[in-house]
Amino acid sequence: MQNLVGVDIGGTKCAVVLGRIPGDDPRPNRLGVSDITIVDKISFPTPVSAGYESALERIQSTIEEIVSRNGLRFEDLTRIGISCGGPLDSKRGIIMSPPNLPGWDNVEIVRILEDRFGVKAALQNDANAGALAEWLFGAARGYRNVIFMTFGTGLGAGLILDGRLYSGTSDMAGEVGHIRLERFGPVGYGKSGSWEGFCSGNGIAQLARIKALERFQLGETVSFCASIDELDKIDAKLVAEAAASGDELAREVYRISGYYLGVGCSILIDILNPEIIVIGSVFARATDLLWPEAKRVIEAECLPHSHRVCKVVPAGLSEAIGDYAALSVAIAADAESDSG
């Protein structure tokens, strides 16, 4: 039996998860496990304004709590896995100034946790961790060439190529949100017209505000926004609810996002020739609004030989993906250590 701890570090909240793999696993996957049980979980807000030291101390005390209340000792743990937004250096275990974690500058989190608990730890960015989770336990299980896309607050990708996580020379592989699809457009990843600008929760909100402003300036009304003074209250969820109720302006916003989702996916399909693209968060919750237009674009743009062998599906782990992602980092690192 293996006991693993996963640490999911986000800009607004953190979670510490305890997972357990049975000792006699009858149907192991490529990394030697068939399933994992999430035994316990503790979540808490990320006190960004207090600096990384406060959050890091809370993470460590929470690890102590979750281990103790489940009758374990630190020596009973196999490994600690950490999932965090990038940029980071996974080889040296250092978090390097993520935009959603101000003050987290060159934090040697792997060394800190290993010194505190005497347990090996591993670090991956959240998109890579999500790719591992969907590959091991979710919609991409059983495939060798996988693209996982976050499509949440931002847009990033994790790549499983020929049955291995591919993170690039400096942990920057899969930063697809940075691709510029138009010269001008919603801003994402610090770039106007980027893929993240069109295909993320923040991007959809920007598109909706632009469309709503056009209507207000023409003296028209908008169902999902009461007035021009409330444009900043628009978010992707609000627009999705309006679209589901049949609002044509809201549906147009999602069609635009779906169009650029198809453009970006077509590029990835033609370059990487994947078997499956798994898309999480906003796409998983609003597939019916995004996929028809994306599918039309993919069918028109992709090389037929590449398109035929690739399917695009919502993430299978739903809202639990963060828990599985952090634990999957621990599993992958442990498997790599064994093979090395």
Foldseek 3Di string as FASTA:
>chain_A
DAWEWFWEDFLFKIKIWIKDFDPCAPDQAPLGGQDIDTPDMDMDTDPLVVAVVVVLVVVLVVVVVVQVVVPHALVRHAEFFYEAADDAAFVQQFHDADVSRPRRHRHNSQVVNCVVRVHGYTYAYNQQLLFLLCCRPKDNDPFQWEWEWELEQFIWIWTRHRNHTDQDDGSPPTRQQQAAPDQADADDPNHGRGLRLLRHFVNLLVLLLVLQVVQVVVVHHDPLAGHNVCSVVGTLVSLLVVVVVPRPSSLVSLLRSLQSLLVSVQVCLQPRLGQEYEYEDPCLVRVVSRVVNSVVSNVVRHDVVSVVRYDYYYIGCHPCSSVSSRRSSGSSVSSVVVVD
